[in-house]
Protein backbone atom coordinates (compact mmCIF):
# COMPACT_ATOMS: atom_id res chain seq x y z
CA MET A 1 -86.26 218.75 -112.17
CA LYS A 2 -85.06 219.44 -115.87
CA ASN A 3 -86.35 222.32 -116.99
CA GLU A 4 -87.55 223.90 -113.70
CA ILE A 5 -86.92 227.06 -112.87
CA LEU A 6 -86.65 229.36 -109.29
CA LEU A 7 -87.71 233.19 -109.49
CA ILE A 8 -86.43 235.50 -107.48
CA GLU A 9 -88.16 238.45 -107.67
CA ASP A 10 -89.96 240.37 -105.26
CA ASP A 11 -91.63 242.93 -108.12
CA ILE A 12 -94.83 240.41 -107.99
CA GLU A 13 -96.20 242.18 -111.39
CA LEU A 14 -92.55 241.18 -112.84
CA GLN A 15 -92.82 238.13 -111.10
CA LYS A 16 -96.27 237.24 -112.85
CA LEU A 17 -95.21 238.58 -116.27
CA VAL A 18 -91.85 236.34 -116.65
CA SER A 19 -93.53 233.85 -114.77
CA ASP A 20 -96.59 233.35 -117.07
CA TYR A 21 -94.49 233.85 -120.35
CA LEU A 22 -92.42 231.10 -118.84
CA LYS A 23 -94.62 228.69 -118.35
CA LYS A 24 -96.39 229.12 -121.77
CA SER A 25 -92.39 228.49 -123.02
CA GLY A 26 -92.49 225.07 -121.61
CA PHE A 27 -91.20 226.08 -118.74
CA ILE A 28 -92.16 225.14 -114.93
CA CYS A 29 -91.24 228.14 -112.62
CA VAL A 30 -92.02 228.34 -108.94
CA CYS A 31 -91.50 231.72 -107.66
CA ALA A 32 -90.07 233.76 -104.00
CA ASP A 33 -89.71 237.20 -103.44
CA SER A 34 -87.13 237.48 -100.47
CA ILE A 35 -83.75 235.95 -100.25
CA HIS A 36 -85.22 233.22 -96.91
CA SER A 37 -88.11 232.03 -98.91
CA GLY A 38 -85.98 232.03 -102.47
CA LYS A 39 -83.32 229.72 -100.02
CA LEU A 40 -85.64 227.49 -98.64
CA LEU A 41 -87.31 226.54 -101.53
CA PHE A 42 -83.98 225.46 -102.65
CA GLU A 43 -82.88 223.76 -99.74
CA LYS A 44 -86.29 221.55 -100.48
CA HIS A 45 -85.54 221.47 -103.81
CA LYS A 46 -82.93 221.42 -106.79
CA TYR A 47 -83.84 224.05 -109.49
CA GLU A 48 -81.80 224.00 -113.33
CA ILE A 49 -82.10 227.62 -113.50
CA VAL A 50 -82.40 230.25 -110.64
CA LEU A 51 -83.37 234.17 -112.19
CA LEU A 52 -82.34 236.23 -109.27
CA ASP A 53 -82.47 239.61 -108.04
CA LEU A 54 -80.52 241.76 -106.39
CA GLY A 55 -82.17 244.05 -104.53
CA LEU A 56 -84.38 241.73 -102.22
CA PRO A 57 -86.37 243.53 -99.15
CA ASP A 58 -84.49 241.52 -96.85
CA GLY A 59 -80.71 242.10 -98.19
CA ASP A 60 -78.83 241.69 -101.09
CA GLY A 61 -79.46 238.88 -103.56
CA LEU A 62 -75.79 238.04 -104.18
CA THR A 63 -75.85 236.50 -100.91
CA CYS A 64 -78.16 233.88 -102.53
CA ILE A 65 -75.42 232.94 -104.88
CA PRO A 66 -72.66 230.88 -102.83
CA PHE A 67 -75.64 229.48 -101.21
CA ILE A 68 -76.97 227.56 -104.30
CA LYS A 69 -74.07 226.97 -105.65
CA SER A 70 -73.08 224.77 -102.17
CA ILE A 71 -76.11 223.21 -102.58
CA TRP A 72 -75.97 221.88 -106.29
CA ASN A 73 -72.94 223.65 -108.65
CA GLU A 74 -75.09 222.74 -111.71
CA THR A 75 -77.71 225.01 -111.15
CA GLY A 76 -77.41 228.01 -113.56
CA VAL A 77 -77.63 231.57 -112.10
CA ILE A 78 -78.47 234.22 -113.78
CA ILE A 79 -79.22 237.63 -112.04
CA VAL A 80 -81.34 239.42 -113.11
CA SER A 81 -82.00 243.50 -112.25
CA ALA A 82 -82.03 246.99 -112.55
CA ARG A 83 -78.24 247.59 -111.53
CA ASP A 84 -75.97 247.79 -114.11
CA LYS A 85 -72.92 249.01 -112.29
CA LEU A 86 -69.85 246.83 -114.34
CA GLU A 87 -68.95 246.05 -110.90
CA ASP A 88 -72.30 244.56 -109.45
CA ARG A 89 -71.23 242.79 -112.47
CA ILE A 90 -68.12 241.43 -112.10
CA ASP A 91 -69.22 240.70 -108.50
CA GLY A 92 -72.00 238.24 -109.10
CA LEU A 93 -69.50 236.84 -111.60
CA ASN A 94 -67.05 236.21 -109.55
CA LEU A 95 -69.41 235.03 -107.15
CA GLY A 96 -70.90 232.18 -109.79
CA ALA A 97 -73.59 233.49 -111.34
CA ASP A 98 -73.18 232.55 -115.24
CA ASP A 99 -75.16 235.60 -116.03
CA TYR A 100 -76.05 239.11 -115.86
CA LEU A 101 -79.45 240.40 -117.62
CA VAL A 102 -80.23 244.33 -116.61
CA LYS A 103 -83.91 245.35 -116.43
CA PRO A 104 -85.68 246.37 -118.00
CA PHE A 105 -85.03 243.30 -121.16
CA HIS A 106 -87.39 241.63 -123.25
CA LEU A 107 -89.06 238.21 -122.37
CA SER A 108 -87.61 236.86 -125.62
CA GLU A 109 -83.44 237.78 -124.66
CA LEU A 110 -84.82 236.13 -120.79
CA ASN A 111 -85.88 233.10 -122.62
CA ALA A 112 -82.93 232.86 -125.06
CA ARG A 113 -80.42 233.26 -122.55
CA ILE A 114 -82.15 230.01 -120.38
CA ASN A 115 -81.79 228.56 -123.28
CA ALA A 116 -78.28 228.78 -124.06
CA LEU A 117 -77.44 227.80 -120.85
CA LEU A 118 -79.41 225.05 -120.50
CA ARG A 119 -77.30 223.84 -123.56
CA ARG A 120 -73.66 224.80 -121.99
CA ASN A 121 -74.62 222.35 -119.12
CA PHE A 122 -76.68 219.64 -120.66
CA HIS A 123 -74.05 216.82 -122.01
CA SER A 124 -76.70 213.99 -123.12
CA THR A 125 -73.56 211.29 -123.63
CA SER A 126 -71.56 209.35 -121.21
CA TYR A 127 -70.60 211.53 -118.62
CA ILE A 128 -67.74 210.01 -118.46
CA LEU A 129 -64.81 212.01 -120.51
CA LYS A 130 -61.39 211.46 -121.55
CA PHE A 131 -58.38 212.75 -123.09
CA GLU A 132 -54.84 211.62 -122.40
CA GLU A 133 -53.90 211.59 -118.93
CA ILE A 134 -57.14 214.18 -118.28
CA THR A 135 -60.20 212.00 -117.23
CA ILE A 136 -63.60 214.50 -116.16
CA ASP A 137 -66.98 212.75 -114.45
CA THR A 138 -69.44 215.40 -115.80
CA GLN A 139 -72.08 214.58 -113.42
CA ALA A 140 -70.00 214.78 -110.18
CA ASN A 141 -67.72 217.10 -111.51
CA ILE A 142 -64.57 215.98 -110.91
CA VAL A 143 -61.74 216.13 -113.24
CA PHE A 144 -59.18 213.36 -112.74
CA ILE A 145 -55.66 213.76 -114.28
CA GLN A 146 -53.21 210.78 -113.50
CA GLY A 147 -55.68 209.22 -111.35
CA GLU A 148 -55.16 211.87 -108.80
CA GLN A 149 -57.93 213.85 -108.18
CA VAL A 150 -57.70 217.44 -109.53
CA ASP A 151 -59.00 220.76 -108.23
CA PHE A 152 -60.54 223.47 -110.83
CA THR A 153 -62.82 226.87 -110.57
CA ARG A 154 -65.86 226.32 -112.01
CA LYS A 155 -64.71 228.15 -115.33
CA GLU A 156 -61.86 226.28 -115.66
CA PHE A 157 -64.20 223.06 -115.54
CA ASP A 158 -66.28 224.51 -118.25
CA LEU A 159 -63.17 225.25 -120.74
CA LEU A 160 -61.31 222.42 -120.01
CA LEU A 161 -64.67 220.68 -120.39
CA PHE A 162 -65.48 222.10 -123.46
CA PHE A 163 -62.57 221.64 -124.95
CA ILE A 164 -62.40 217.87 -125.20
CA GLU A 165 -65.36 217.59 -125.90
CA ASN A 166 -64.19 219.84 -129.05
CA LYS A 167 -60.82 218.13 -129.57
CA LYS A 168 -58.31 218.73 -132.62
CA LYS A 169 -61.25 221.82 -133.43
CA VAL A 170 -59.86 225.32 -132.96
CA LEU A 171 -61.76 226.93 -131.16
CA THR A 172 -61.96 230.68 -130.87
CA LYS A 173 -62.61 233.55 -128.28
CA GLU A 174 -66.11 234.09 -129.20
CA ASN A 175 -66.51 230.88 -129.34
CA LEU A 176 -65.26 230.41 -125.75
CA PHE A 177 -66.64 233.18 -124.67
CA GLU A 178 -70.53 231.77 -126.21
CA HIS A 179 -70.32 228.36 -124.12
CA VAL A 180 -68.64 229.36 -121.07
CA TRP A 181 -69.30 232.92 -119.85
CA GLY A 182 -73.23 234.01 -122.50
CA GLU A 183 -72.67 235.41 -125.41
CA ASN A 184 -73.46 238.37 -124.04
CA SER A 185 -70.70 238.71 -121.62
CA ILE A 186 -69.41 242.00 -120.96
CA PHE A 187 -65.92 240.31 -121.09
CA MET A 188 -66.34 239.82 -124.68
CA ASP A 189 -63.90 242.40 -126.38
CA ASN A 190 -61.12 241.78 -123.59
CA SER A 191 -58.52 239.53 -124.84
CA ASP A 192 -56.47 239.67 -121.09
CA PHE A 193 -59.20 238.11 -120.23
CA ILE A 194 -59.89 234.76 -121.81
CA TYR A 195 -55.86 234.53 -122.07
CA THR A 196 -56.08 235.12 -118.04
CA HIS A 197 -58.21 232.28 -117.97
CA ILE A 198 -56.58 229.51 -120.08
CA ASN A 199 -53.32 230.22 -119.04
CA ARG A 200 -54.26 229.25 -115.56
CA LEU A 201 -55.57 225.95 -117.45
CA ARG A 202 -52.51 225.37 -119.13
CA LYS A 203 -50.91 225.37 -116.20
CA LYS A 204 -52.70 223.18 -113.53
CA ILE A 205 -52.86 221.10 -116.68
CA LYS A 206 -49.14 220.95 -116.95
CA ASN A 207 -47.98 221.00 -113.52
CA HIS A 208 -49.52 217.14 -113.23
CA THR A 209 -48.56 216.06 -116.92
CA GLY A 210 -45.85 218.13 -117.95
CA GLU A 211 -47.57 218.72 -120.97
CA ASN A 212 -48.62 222.17 -122.70
CA TYR A 213 -51.85 220.30 -124.38
CA ILE A 214 -53.90 223.61 -125.13
CA LYS A 215 -52.34 225.30 -128.07
CA THR A 216 -52.29 228.52 -129.04
CA VAL A 217 -53.40 229.03 -132.78
CA TYR A 218 -52.43 232.85 -134.17
CA GLY A 219 -54.76 234.83 -135.64
CA PHE A 220 -57.38 232.16 -134.77
CA GLY A 221 -57.59 230.95 -131.38
CA TYR A 222 -56.88 227.89 -129.22
CA ARG A 223 -56.83 224.11 -130.31
CA LEU A 224 -56.05 220.97 -127.40
CA GLU A 225 -54.01 218.37 -128.82
CA ILE A 226 -51.54 216.06 -128.76
CA ASP A 227 -47.27 217.46 -129.90
């Protein structure tokens, strides 16, 4: 399953161009030209990455995202579309997409984004991580606080995991964006966006521990530490 990509794209010429490039880059690339055929392929086999066009002949590709994430939440979804409106990007990210690339694009950039997403999703060490009363099972994507399972959104989970992997280190806003949303995130310059997600994460942790472990380091970023 490692480095296997499902490309859902109805432009056959572009499909072949992307597929040939990815195969030369060491990936296994399987292609579908519709929502229906893409879903059938994904039901039979879990792919590490899905490259998803939006303007497909049998509907809006956005409808594929909840389906993909419901089967295997660890799959990285990169939307590849000519639709460049902010609303489309926000809708895609809110539905669970991990990145958004606007056509036309350079194949080298697509390759870089795929590799960045694979790095974010891959954990080579123990799949159980702990910090104080918090335990994360990175294979099952489950968080336990004081032995009780606590629900987090995908981005809250990614943030918490990144903080624990880098406990006691100062993480800048740019560090957090690059790891969780991708270095080319449309929200990169929006401080309120990152603050909102950090604040939600803090509240969930504090509700179960009574502690505020995520400290603001004014002028620099945030750090996970004990008082």
